[in-house]
Amino acid sequence: MQKYFHILLVSLISISFFGCAHNSDKKGILEDRAGYKLETKKDGVPKNVTRTKGKIKKAWLHAHEMPTGDYFGGAWVYLLVEQTKWNFSDYK
């Protein structure tokens, strides 16, 4: 009985500490420190910047024996066929 009382007592004490750990006044402190909301200078920076998606092809390499004598079990390989491109339409 005393064992369960000690477990209950430790649980209640730890719950009270966790309840006091939350401080809602500091909401968004990491975002403020990172500077995400800072306004940037717009001198010479285009308004509409777009990025095209690169083309990727999926190829299957079949199972075969390597020249070294090791067996390759086969795998899918993704090949980059075309690089991504940035389009600065309003750039002066």
C-alpha atoms as a PDB file:
ATOM      1  CA  MET A   1       0.000   0.000   0.000  1.00  0.00           C
ATOM      2  CA  GLN A   2       2.823   2.358   0.842  1.00  0.00           C
ATOM      3  CA  LYS A   3       4.400   1.677  -2.592  1.00  0.00           C
ATOM      4  CA  TYR A   4       1.260   2.877  -4.394  1.00  0.00           C
ATOM      5  CA  PHE A   5       1.058   5.951  -2.186  1.00  0.00           C
ATOM      6  CA  HIS A   6       4.633   6.935  -3.112  1.00  0.00           C
ATOM      7  CA  ILE A   7       3.924   6.425  -6.806  1.00  0.00           C
ATOM      8  CA  LEU A   8       0.802   8.573  -6.533  1.00  0.00           C
ATOM      9  CA  LEU A   9       2.653  11.263  -4.598  1.00  0.00           C
ATOM     10  CA  VAL A  10       5.513  11.430  -7.142  1.00  0.00           C
ATOM     11  CA  SER A  11       2.981  11.537  -9.999  1.00  0.00           C
ATOM     12  CA  LEU A  12       1.069  14.442  -8.477  1.00  0.00           C
ATOM     13  CA  ILE A  13       4.253  16.417  -7.800  1.00  0.00           C
ATOM     14  CA  SER A  14       5.539  15.907 -11.347  1.00  0.00           C
ATOM     15  CA  ILE A  15       2.166  16.877 -12.849  1.00  0.00           C
ATOM     16  CA  SER A  16       2.200  20.118 -10.903  1.00  0.00           C
ATOM     17  CA  PHE A  17       5.648  20.997 -12.289  1.00  0.00           C
ATOM     18  CA  PHE A  18       4.603  20.244 -15.873  1.00  0.00           C
ATOM     19  CA  GLY A  19       1.496  22.365 -15.476  1.00  0.00           C
ATOM     20  CA  CYS A  20       3.589  25.399 -14.533  1.00  0.00           C
ATOM     21  CA  ALA A  21       6.061  24.945 -17.380  1.00  0.00           C
ATOM     22  CA  HIS A  22       3.812  26.461 -20.070  1.00  0.00           C
ATOM     23  CA  ASN A  23       4.029  30.213 -20.625  1.00  0.00           C
ATOM     24  CA  SER A  24       1.720  31.489 -23.363  1.00  0.00           C
ATOM     25  CA  ASP A  25       3.222  35.012 -23.313  1.00  0.00           C
ATOM     26  CA  LYS A  26       6.242  33.801 -25.265  1.00  0.00           C
ATOM     27  CA  LYS A  27       4.244  32.466 -28.197  1.00  0.00           C
ATOM     28  CA  GLY A  28       6.216  32.746 -31.425  1.00  0.00           C
ATOM     29  CA  ILE A  29       9.549  33.666 -29.830  1.00  0.00           C
ATOM     30  CA  LEU A  30      11.514  31.419 -32.190  1.00  0.00           C
ATOM     31  CA  GLU A  31       9.873  32.951 -35.259  1.00  0.00           C
ATOM     32  CA  ASP A  32      10.605  36.466 -33.986  1.00  0.00           C
ATOM     33  CA  ARG A  33      14.226  35.598 -33.320  1.00  0.00           C
ATOM     34  CA  ALA A  34      14.615  33.985 -36.762  1.00  0.00           C
ATOM     35  CA  GLY A  35      13.491  37.211 -38.475  1.00  0.00           C
ATOM     36  CA  TYR A  36      10.906  35.682 -40.822  1.00  0.00           C
ATOM     37  CA  LYS A  37       8.682  38.748 -40.635  1.00  0.00           C
ATOM     38  CA  LEU A  38      11.388  41.295 -41.436  1.00  0.00           C
ATOM     39  CA  GLU A  39      10.722  43.442 -44.446  1.00  0.00           C
ATOM     40  CA  THR A  40      13.369  43.283 -47.134  1.00  0.00           C
ATOM     41  CA  LYS A  41      14.520  45.960 -49.521  1.00  0.00           C
ATOM     42  CA  LYS A  42      12.839  45.774 -52.905  1.00  0.00           C
ATOM     43  CA  ASP A  43      15.521  47.560 -54.928  1.00  0.00           C
ATOM     44  CA  GLY A  44      16.189  45.534 -58.051  1.00  0.00           C
ATOM     45  CA  VAL A  45      14.409  42.428 -56.812  1.00  0.00           C
ATOM     46  CA  PRO A  46      11.750  41.032 -59.152  1.00  0.00           C
ATOM     47  CA  LYS A  47       8.203  40.611 -57.863  1.00  0.00           C
ATOM     48  CA  ASN A  48       7.271  37.453 -59.730  1.00  0.00           C
ATOM     49  CA  VAL A  49       9.910  34.771 -59.449  1.00  0.00           C
ATOM     50  CA  THR A  50       8.968  31.305 -60.590  1.00  0.00           C
ATOM     51  CA  ARG A  51      10.861  28.048 -60.521  1.00  0.00           C
ATOM     52  CA  THR A  52      10.230  25.292 -63.029  1.00  0.00           C
ATOM     53  CA  LYS A  53      10.294  21.744 -61.821  1.00  0.00           C
ATOM     54  CA  GLY A  54      13.171  19.642 -63.054  1.00  0.00           C
ATOM     55  CA  LYS A  55      12.507  16.462 -65.004  1.00  0.00           C
ATOM     56  CA  ILE A  56      13.322  13.199 -63.286  1.00  0.00           C
ATOM     57  CA  LYS A  57      13.183   9.751 -64.866  1.00  0.00           C
ATOM     58  CA  LYS A  58      12.864   6.507 -62.956  1.00  0.00           C
ATOM     59  CA  ALA A  59      14.914   3.571 -64.255  1.00  0.00           C
ATOM     60  CA  TRP A  60      15.160  -0.045 -63.079  1.00  0.00           C
ATOM     61  CA  LEU A  61      18.630  -1.605 -63.008  1.00  0.00           C
ATOM     62  CA  HIS A  62      18.142  -5.325 -63.426  1.00  0.00           C
ATOM     63  CA  ALA A  63      19.741  -7.946 -61.221  1.00  0.00           C
ATOM     64  CA  HIS A  64      23.151  -9.040 -62.502  1.00  0.00           C
ATOM     65  CA  GLU A  65      26.583 -10.164 -61.445  1.00  0.00           C
ATOM     66  CA  MET A  66      29.182  -7.423 -61.135  1.00  0.00           C
ATOM     67  CA  PRO A  67      32.647  -7.748 -62.749  1.00  0.00           C
ATOM     68  CA  THR A  68      34.050  -8.156 -59.240  1.00  0.00           C
ATOM     69  CA  GLY A  69      31.933 -11.282 -58.736  1.00  0.00           C
ATOM     70  CA  ASP A  70      29.404  -9.610 -56.417  1.00  0.00           C
ATOM     71  CA  TYR A  71      25.698 -10.073 -57.122  1.00  0.00           C
ATOM     72  CA  PHE A  72      23.625  -6.911 -57.618  1.00  0.00           C
ATOM     73  CA  GLY A  73      19.986  -7.552 -56.718  1.00  0.00           C
ATOM     74  CA  GLY A  74      18.504  -4.751 -58.818  1.00  0.00           C
ATOM     75  CA  ALA A  75      17.146  -1.363 -57.782  1.00  0.00           C
ATOM     76  CA  TRP A  76      15.244   1.707 -58.917  1.00  0.00           C
ATOM     77  CA  VAL A  77      17.459   4.664 -59.844  1.00  0.00           C
ATOM     78  CA  TYR A  78      16.197   8.224 -60.274  1.00  0.00           C
ATOM     79  CA  LEU A  79      17.983  10.207 -62.990  1.00  0.00           C
ATOM     80  CA  LEU A  80      17.902  14.001 -63.238  1.00  0.00           C
ATOM     81  CA  VAL A  81      17.225  14.701 -66.920  1.00  0.00           C
ATOM     82  CA  GLU A  82      16.654  18.467 -66.762  1.00  0.00           C
ATOM     83  CA  GLN A  83      17.762  20.926 -64.067  1.00  0.00           C
ATOM     84  CA  THR A  84      15.336  23.246 -62.329  1.00  0.00           C
ATOM     85  CA  LYS A  85      15.227  26.757 -63.789  1.00  0.00           C
ATOM     86  CA  TRP A  86      14.492  30.108 -62.178  1.00  0.00           C
ATOM     87  CA  ASN A  87      12.421  32.610 -64.176  1.00  0.00           C
ATOM     88  CA  PHE A  88      12.767  36.286 -63.246  1.00  0.00           C
ATOM     89  CA  SER A  89       9.997  37.858 -65.348  1.00  0.00           C
ATOM     90  CA  ASP A  90      10.002  41.398 -63.870  1.00  0.00           C
ATOM     91  CA  TYR A  91      13.748  41.814 -63.466  1.00  0.00           C
ATOM     92  CA  LYS A  92      15.153  45.125 -64.740  1.00  0.00           C
END
